[in-house]
């Protein structure tokens, strides 16, 4: 899997969860606390954050319920 595939899948999933409403690169970048240029580079595969693929591979080794628990724990750390 390439990094742009990863970010496109995640971006599309978030739009789907939002009843198909498009999410701009700017809005997504703001929600992630990064610049729009950085997010755009990730989404187009021009820049590759080193940890992204590793994190996804690690999550992929978990069963569905543990993925949900883990992601919720991570989201709580942001609060």
PDB file of N, CA and C in Angstrom:
ATOM      1  N   UNK A   1       0.846  -1.178   0.000  1.00  0.00           N
ATOM      2  CA  UNK A   1       0.000   0.000   0.000  1.00  0.00           C
ATOM      3  C   UNK A   1       0.889   1.238   0.000  1.00  0.00           C
ATOM      4  N   UNK A   2       0.547   2.180  -0.834  1.00  0.00           N
ATOM      5  CA  UNK A   2       1.265   3.451  -0.896  1.00  0.00           C
ATOM      6  C   UNK A   2       0.615   4.444   0.068  1.00  0.00           C
ATOM      7  N   UNK A   3       1.375   5.438   0.487  1.00  0.00           N
ATOM      8  CA  UNK A   3       0.868   6.418   1.459  1.00  0.00           C
ATOM      9  C   UNK A   3      -0.327   7.186   0.919  1.00  0.00           C
ATOM     10  N   UNK A   4      -0.326   7.510  -0.381  1.00  0.00           N
ATOM     11  CA  UNK A   4      -1.467   8.241  -0.925  1.00  0.00           C
ATOM     12  C   UNK A   4      -2.718   7.365  -0.913  1.00  0.00           C
ATOM     13  N   UNK A   5      -2.563   6.058  -1.119  1.00  0.00           N
ATOM     14  CA  UNK A   5      -3.713   5.152  -1.017  1.00  0.00           C
ATOM     15  C   UNK A   5      -4.318   5.209   0.385  1.00  0.00           C
ATOM     16  N   UNK A   6      -3.450   5.152   1.375  1.00  0.00           N
ATOM     17  CA  UNK A   6      -3.886   5.188   2.768  1.00  0.00           C
ATOM     18  C   UNK A   6      -4.683   6.453   3.066  1.00  0.00           C
ATOM     19  N   UNK A   7      -4.140   7.605   2.705  1.00  0.00           N
ATOM     20  CA  UNK A   7      -4.833   8.858   3.009  1.00  0.00           C
ATOM     21  C   UNK A   7      -6.104   9.029   2.187  1.00  0.00           C
ATOM     22  N   UNK A   8      -6.106   8.551   0.955  1.00  0.00           N
ATOM     23  CA  UNK A   8      -7.325   8.631   0.148  1.00  0.00           C
ATOM     24  C   UNK A   8      -8.423   7.725   0.707  1.00  0.00           C
ATOM     25  N   UNK A   9      -8.070   6.517   1.137  1.00  0.00           N
ATOM     26  CA  UNK A   9      -9.061   5.613   1.740  1.00  0.00           C
ATOM     27  C   UNK A   9      -9.646   6.237   3.001  1.00  0.00           C
ATOM     28  N   UNK A  10      -8.777   6.756   3.862  1.00  0.00           N
ATOM     29  CA  UNK A  10      -9.260   7.376   5.104  1.00  0.00           C
ATOM     30  C   UNK A  10     -10.110   8.608   4.824  1.00  0.00           C
ATOM     31  N   UNK A  11      -9.670   9.444   3.907  1.00  0.00           N
ATOM     32  CA  UNK A  11     -10.419  10.660   3.567  1.00  0.00           C
ATOM     33  C   UNK A  11     -11.803  10.282   3.025  1.00  0.00           C
ATOM     34  N   UNK A  12     -11.833   9.325   2.101  1.00  0.00           N
ATOM     35  CA  UNK A  12     -13.112   8.887   1.527  1.00  0.00           C
ATOM     36  C   UNK A  12     -14.021   8.261   2.577  1.00  0.00           C
ATOM     37  N   UNK A  13     -13.451   7.525   3.509  1.00  0.00           N
ATOM     38  CA  UNK A  13     -14.253   6.917   4.575  1.00  0.00           C
ATOM     39  C   UNK A  13     -14.881   7.984   5.463  1.00  0.00           C
ATOM     40  N   UNK A  14     -14.119   9.020   5.747  1.00  0.00           N
ATOM     41  CA  UNK A  14     -14.668  10.115   6.558  1.00  0.00           C
ATOM     42  C   UNK A  14     -15.777  10.850   5.810  1.00  0.00           C
ATOM     43  N   UNK A  15     -15.610  11.036   4.507  1.00  0.00           N
ATOM     44  CA  UNK A  15     -16.676  11.657   3.716  1.00  0.00           C
ATOM     45  C   UNK A  15     -17.916  10.762   3.698  1.00  0.00           C
ATOM     46  N   UNK A  16     -17.713   9.477   3.549  1.00  0.00           N
ATOM     47  CA  UNK A  16     -18.835   8.532   3.537  1.00  0.00           C
ATOM     48  C   UNK A  16     -19.580   8.574   4.864  1.00  0.00           C
ATOM     49  N   UNK A  17     -18.833   8.631   5.947  1.00  0.00           N
ATOM     50  CA  UNK A  17     -19.442   8.715   7.282  1.00  0.00           C
ATOM     51  C   UNK A  17     -20.224  10.012   7.446  1.00  0.00           C
ATOM     52  N   UNK A  18     -19.847  11.017   6.679  1.00  0.00           N
ATOM     53  CA  UNK A  18     -20.477  12.335   6.716  1.00  0.00           C
ATOM     54  C   UNK A  18     -21.588  12.429   5.659  1.00  0.00           C
ATOM     55  N   UNK A  19     -22.241  11.290   5.390  1.00  0.00           N
ATOM     56  CA  UNK A  19     -23.343  11.198   4.420  1.00  0.00           C
ATOM     57  C   UNK A  19     -22.932  11.630   3.014  1.00  0.00           C
ATOM     58  N   UNK A  20     -21.685  11.354   2.649  1.00  0.00           N
ATOM     59  CA  UNK A  20     -21.209  11.653   1.307  1.00  0.00           C
ATOM     60  C   UNK A  20     -20.818  13.094   1.072  1.00  0.00           C
ATOM     61  N   UNK A  21     -20.951  13.937   2.106  1.00  0.00           N
ATOM     62  CA  UNK A  21     -20.587  15.344   1.963  1.00  0.00           C
ATOM     63  C   UNK A  21     -19.070  15.462   1.850  1.00  0.00           C
ATOM     64  N   UNK A  22     -18.632  16.172   0.817  1.00  0.00           N
ATOM     65  CA  UNK A  22     -17.200  16.352   0.580  1.00  0.00           C
ATOM     66  C   UNK A  22     -16.542  17.112   1.724  1.00  0.00           C
ATOM     67  N   UNK A  23     -15.324  16.723   2.029  1.00  0.00           N
ATOM     68  CA  UNK A  23     -14.522  17.411   3.032  1.00  0.00           C
ATOM     69  C   UNK A  23     -13.323  18.000   2.300  1.00  0.00           C
ATOM     70  N   UNK A  24     -13.161  19.296   2.384  1.00  0.00           N
ATOM     71  CA  UNK A  24     -12.059  19.949   1.678  1.00  0.00           C
ATOM     72  C   UNK A  24     -10.722  19.567   2.314  1.00  0.00           C
ATOM     73  N   UNK A  25      -9.678  19.696   1.525  1.00  0.00           N
ATOM     74  CA  UNK A  25      -8.340  19.442   2.048  1.00  0.00           C
ATOM     75  C   UNK A  25      -8.041  20.382   3.216  1.00  0.00           C
ATOM     76  N   UNK A  26      -8.480  21.632   3.076  1.00  0.00           N
ATOM     77  CA  UNK A  26      -8.251  22.622   4.132  1.00  0.00           C
ATOM     78  C   UNK A  26      -8.954  22.220   5.427  1.00  0.00           C
ATOM     79  N   UNK A  27     -10.219  21.816   5.321  1.00  0.00           N
ATOM     80  CA  UNK A  27     -10.960  21.416   6.518  1.00  0.00           C
ATOM     81  C   UNK A  27     -10.349  20.175   7.169  1.00  0.00           C
ATOM     82  N   UNK A  28      -9.922  19.210   6.351  1.00  0.00           N
ATOM     83  CA  UNK A  28      -9.315  18.007   6.903  1.00  0.00           C
ATOM     84  C   UNK A  28      -7.993  18.346   7.580  1.00  0.00           C
ATOM     85  N   UNK A  29      -7.194  19.160   6.932  1.00  0.00           N
ATOM     86  CA  UNK A  29      -5.914  19.561   7.516  1.00  0.00           C
ATOM     87  C   UNK A  29      -6.129  20.284   8.840  1.00  0.00           C
ATOM     88  N   UNK A  30      -7.099  21.186   8.873  1.00  0.00           N
ATOM     89  CA  UNK A  30      -7.397  21.904  10.123  1.00  0.00           C
ATOM     90  C   UNK A  30      -7.798  20.941  11.230  1.00  0.00           C
ATOM     91  N   UNK A  31      -8.609  19.936  10.895  1.00  0.00           N
ATOM     92  CA  UNK A  31      -9.056  18.985  11.916  1.00  0.00           C
ATOM     93  C   UNK A  31      -7.893  18.139  12.431  1.00  0.00           C
ATOM     94  N   UNK A  32      -6.854  17.973  11.618  1.00  0.00           N
ATOM     95  CA  UNK A  32      -5.679  17.195  12.013  1.00  0.00           C
ATOM     96  C   UNK A  32      -4.583  18.061  12.637  1.00  0.00           C
ATOM     97  N   UNK A  33      -4.762  19.374  12.581  1.00  0.00           N
ATOM     98  CA  UNK A  33      -3.775  20.281  13.154  1.00  0.00           C
ATOM     99  C   UNK A  33      -2.506  20.391  12.328  1.00  0.00           C
ATOM    100  N   UNK A  34      -2.647  20.256  11.002  1.00  0.00           N
ATOM    101  CA  UNK A  34      -1.508  20.367  10.100  1.00  0.00           C
ATOM    102  C   UNK A  34      -1.849  21.364   8.996  1.00  0.00           C
ATOM    103  N   UNK A  35      -0.845  21.751   8.223  1.00  0.00           N
ATOM    104  CA  UNK A  35      -1.112  22.683   7.128  1.00  0.00           C
ATOM    105  C   UNK A  35      -1.803  21.957   5.980  1.00  0.00           C
ATOM    106  N   UNK A  36      -2.539  22.722   5.196  1.00  0.00           N
ATOM    107  CA  UNK A  36      -3.208  22.139   4.042  1.00  0.00           C
ATOM    108  C   UNK A  36      -2.178  21.584   3.067  1.00  0.00           C
ATOM    109  N   UNK A  37      -1.072  22.268   2.902  1.00  0.00           N
ATOM    110  CA  UNK A  37      -0.022  21.818   1.977  1.00  0.00           C
ATOM    111  C   UNK A  37       0.530  20.455   2.395  1.00  0.00           C
ATOM    112  N   UNK A  38       0.751  20.280   3.697  1.00  0.00           N
ATOM    113  CA  UNK A  38       1.245  18.996   4.202  1.00  0.00           C
ATOM    114  C   UNK A  38       0.250  17.894   3.907  1.00  0.00           C
ATOM    115  N   UNK A  39      -1.015  18.146   4.215  1.00  0.00           N
ATOM    116  CA  UNK A  39      -2.039  17.122   3.977  1.00  0.00           C
ATOM    117  C   UNK A  39      -2.153  16.813   2.483  1.00  0.00           C
ATOM    118  N   UNK A  40      -2.116  17.842   1.672  1.00  0.00           N
ATOM    119  CA  UNK A  40      -2.202  17.656   0.227  1.00  0.00           C
ATOM    120  C   UNK A  40      -1.023  16.810  -0.276  1.00  0.00           C
ATOM    121  N   UNK A  41       0.157  17.087   0.234  1.00  0.00           N
ATOM    122  CA  UNK A  41       1.329  16.306  -0.166  1.00  0.00           C
ATOM    123  C   UNK A  41       1.193  14.843   0.251  1.00  0.00           C
ATOM    124  N   UNK A  42       0.659  14.598   1.430  1.00  0.00           N
ATOM    125  CA  UNK A  42       0.432  13.215   1.869  1.00  0.00           C
ATOM    126  C   UNK A  42      -0.587  12.530   0.966  1.00  0.00           C
ATOM    127  N   UNK A  43      -1.682  13.238   0.685  1.00  0.00           N
ATOM    128  CA  UNK A  43      -2.778  12.660  -0.097  1.00  0.00           C
ATOM    129  C   UNK A  43      -2.359  12.373  -1.541  1.00  0.00           C
ATOM    130  N   UNK A  44      -1.448  13.169  -2.060  1.00  0.00           N
ATOM    131  CA  UNK A  44      -0.962  12.978  -3.421  1.00  0.00           C
ATOM    132  C   UNK A  44       0.287  12.095  -3.481  1.00  0.00           C
ATOM    133  N   UNK A  45       0.800  11.702  -2.329  1.00  0.00           N
ATOM    134  CA  UNK A  45       1.967  10.841  -2.283  1.00  0.00           C
ATOM    135  C   UNK A  45       3.281  11.557  -2.511  1.00  0.00           C
ATOM    136  N   UNK A  46       3.279  12.887  -2.441  1.00  0.00           N
ATOM    137  CA  UNK A  46       4.518  13.653  -2.644  1.00  0.00           C
ATOM    138  C   UNK A  46       5.387  13.670  -1.390  1.00  0.00           C
ATOM    139  N   UNK A  47       4.753  13.485  -0.232  1.00  0.00           N
ATOM    140  CA  UNK A  47       5.478  13.387   1.035  1.00  0.00           C
ATOM    141  C   UNK A  47       4.943  12.156   1.748  1.00  0.00           C
ATOM    142  N   UNK A  48       5.810  11.529   2.518  1.00  0.00           N
ATOM    143  CA  UNK A  48       5.426  10.264   3.138  1.00  0.00           C
ATOM    144  C   UNK A  48       5.780  10.268   4.617  1.00  0.00           C
ATOM    145  N   UNK A  49       4.795  10.553   5.471  1.00  0.00           N
ATOM    146  CA  UNK A  49       5.074  10.487   6.910  1.00  0.00           C
ATOM    147  C   UNK A  49       5.469   9.058   7.275  1.00  0.00           C
ATOM    148  N   UNK A  50       6.604   8.912   7.867  1.00  0.00           N
ATOM    149  CA  UNK A  50       7.183   7.602   8.114  1.00  0.00           C
ATOM    150  C   UNK A  50       6.297   6.681   8.962  1.00  0.00           C
ATOM    151  N   UNK A  51       5.639   7.214   9.945  1.00  0.00           N
ATOM    152  CA  UNK A  51       4.891   6.367  10.875  1.00  0.00           C
ATOM    153  C   UNK A  51       3.539   5.898  10.340  1.00  0.00           C
ATOM    154  N   UNK A  52       2.993   6.566   9.354  1.00  0.00           N
ATOM    155  CA  UNK A  52       1.619   6.286   8.922  1.00  0.00           C
ATOM    156  C   UNK A  52       1.407   4.838   8.491  1.00  0.00           C
ATOM    157  N   UNK A  53       2.249   4.326   7.637  1.00  0.00           N
ATOM    158  CA  UNK A  53       2.096   2.954   7.156  1.00  0.00           C
ATOM    159  C   UNK A  53       2.297   1.972   8.303  1.00  0.00           C
ATOM    160  N   UNK A  54       3.278   2.228   9.162  1.00  0.00           N
ATOM    161  CA  UNK A  54       3.540   1.336  10.288  1.00  0.00           C
ATOM    162  C   UNK A  54       2.350   1.285  11.230  1.00  0.00           C
ATOM    163  N   UNK A  55       1.768   2.440  11.527  1.00  0.00           N
ATOM    164  CA  UNK A  55       0.592   2.477  12.404  1.00  0.00           C
ATOM    165  C   UNK A  55      -0.548   1.671  11.791  1.00  0.00           C
ATOM    166  N   UNK A  56      -0.775   1.829  10.501  1.00  0.00           N
ATOM    167  CA  UNK A  56      -1.857   1.087   9.852  1.00  0.00           C
ATOM    168  C   UNK A  56      -1.581  -0.416   9.849  1.00  0.00           C
ATOM    169  N   UNK A  57      -0.345  -0.803   9.642  1.00  0.00           N
ATOM    170  CA  UNK A  57       0.003  -2.225   9.686  1.00  0.00           C
ATOM    171  C   UNK A  57      -0.230  -2.800  11.079  1.00  0.00           C
ATOM    172  N   UNK A  58       0.113  -2.022  12.094  1.00  0.00           N
ATOM    173  CA  UNK A  58      -0.106  -2.476  13.471  1.00  0.00           C
ATOM    174  C   UNK A  58      -1.601  -2.622  13.757  1.00  0.00           C
ATOM    175  N   UNK A  59      -2.398  -1.627  13.352  1.00  0.00           N
ATOM    176  CA  UNK A  59      -3.849  -1.721  13.536  1.00  0.00           C
ATOM    177  C   UNK A  59      -4.412  -2.909  12.767  1.00  0.00           C
ATOM    178  N   UNK A  60      -3.865  -3.187  11.591  1.00  0.00           N
ATOM    179  CA  UNK A  60      -4.329  -4.297  10.775  1.00  0.00           C
ATOM    180  C   UNK A  60      -4.089  -5.656  11.406  1.00  0.00           C
ATOM    181  N   UNK A  61      -3.210  -5.729  12.388  1.00  0.00           N
ATOM    182  CA  UNK A  61      -2.949  -6.987  13.080  1.00  0.00           C
ATOM    183  C   UNK A  61      -3.948  -7.253  14.207  1.00  0.00           C
ATOM    184  N   UNK A  62      -4.756  -6.238  14.536  1.00  0.00           N
ATOM    185  CA  UNK A  62      -5.744  -6.371  15.614  1.00  0.00           C
ATOM    186  C   UNK A  62      -7.077  -6.849  15.060  1.00  0.00           C
ATOM    187  N   UNK A  63      -7.875  -7.497  15.929  1.00  0.00           N
ATOM    188  CA  UNK A  63      -9.230  -7.827  15.498  1.00  0.00           C
ATOM    189  C   UNK A  63     -10.084  -6.568  15.569  1.00  0.00           C
ATOM    190  N   UNK A  64     -11.265  -6.619  14.970  1.00  0.00           N
ATOM    191  CA  UNK A  64     -12.105  -5.425  14.825  1.00  0.00           C
ATOM    192  C   UNK A  64     -12.405  -4.737  16.156  1.00  0.00           C
ATOM    193  N   UNK A  65     -12.764  -5.512  17.161  1.00  0.00           N
ATOM    194  CA  UNK A  65     -13.118  -4.916  18.458  1.00  0.00           C
ATOM    195  C   UNK A  65     -11.917  -4.226  19.096  1.00  0.00           C
ATOM    196  N   UNK A  66     -10.744  -4.835  18.963  1.00  0.00           N
ATOM    197  CA  UNK A  66      -9.549  -4.230  19.548  1.00  0.00           C
ATOM    198  C   UNK A  66      -9.137  -2.973  18.787  1.00  0.00           C
ATOM    199  N   UNK A  67      -9.369  -2.938  17.488  1.00  0.00           N
ATOM    200  CA  UNK A  67      -9.102  -1.713  16.713  1.00  0.00           C
ATOM    201  C   UNK A  67      -9.947  -0.575  17.261  1.00  0.00           C
ATOM    202  N   UNK A  68     -11.222  -0.843  17.478  1.00  0.00           N
ATOM    203  CA  UNK A  68     -12.122   0.190  17.994  1.00  0.00           C
ATOM    204  C   UNK A  68     -11.663   0.663  19.362  1.00  0.00           C
ATOM    205  N   UNK A  69     -11.339  -0.277  20.259  1.00  0.00           N
ATOM    206  CA  UNK A  69     -10.870   0.105  21.602  1.00  0.00           C
ATOM    207  C   UNK A  69      -9.598   0.942  21.512  1.00  0.00           C
ATOM    208  N   UNK A  70      -8.681   0.524  20.667  1.00  0.00           N
ATOM    209  CA  UNK A  70      -7.404   1.213  20.540  1.00  0.00           C
ATOM    210  C   UNK A  70      -7.583   2.624  19.995  1.00  0.00           C
ATOM    211  N   UNK A  71      -8.378   2.765  18.954  1.00  0.00           N
ATOM    212  CA  UNK A  71      -8.607   4.078  18.360  1.00  0.00           C
ATOM    213  C   UNK A  71      -9.313   4.997  19.365  1.00  0.00           C
ATOM    214  N   UNK A  72     -10.245   4.457  20.110  1.00  0.00           N
ATOM    215  CA  UNK A  72     -10.916   5.284  21.133  1.00  0.00           C
ATOM    216  C   UNK A  72      -9.936   5.739  22.202  1.00  0.00           C
ATOM    217  N   UNK A  73      -9.019   4.860  22.618  1.00  0.00           N
ATOM    218  CA  UNK A  73      -7.995   5.256  23.588  1.00  0.00           C
ATOM    219  C   UNK A  73      -7.135   6.383  23.027  1.00  0.00           C
ATOM    220  N   UNK A  74      -6.735   6.234  21.775  1.00  0.00           N
ATOM    221  CA  UNK A  74      -5.905   7.266  21.132  1.00  0.00           C
ATOM    222  C   UNK A  74      -6.664   8.586  21.062  1.00  0.00           C
ATOM    223  N   UNK A  75      -7.940   8.534  20.700  1.00  0.00           N
ATOM    224  CA  UNK A  75      -8.736   9.767  20.616  1.00  0.00           C
ATOM    225  C   UNK A  75      -8.878  10.433  21.975  1.00  0.00           C
ATOM    226  N   UNK A  76      -8.968   9.655  23.041  1.00  0.00           N
ATOM    227  CA  UNK A  76      -9.054  10.233  24.392  1.00  0.00           C
ATOM    228  C   UNK A  76      -7.787  10.967  24.770  1.00  0.00           C
ATOM    229  N   UNK A  77      -6.643  10.521  24.263  1.00  0.00           N
ATOM    230  CA  UNK A  77      -5.382  11.201  24.537  1.00  0.00           C
ATOM    231  C   UNK A  77      -5.370  12.611  23.969  1.00  0.00           C
ATOM    232  N   UNK A  78      -6.155  12.841  22.917  1.00  0.00           N
ATOM    233  CA  UNK A  78      -6.227  14.150  22.279  1.00  0.00           C
ATOM    234  C   UNK A  78      -7.009  15.156  23.121  1.00  0.00           C
ATOM    235  N   UNK A  79      -7.858  14.680  24.008  1.00  0.00           N
ATOM    236  CA  UNK A  79      -8.707  15.577  24.811  1.00  0.00           C
ATOM    237  C   UNK A  79      -7.947  16.318  25.869  1.00  0.00           C
TER     238      UNK A  79
END
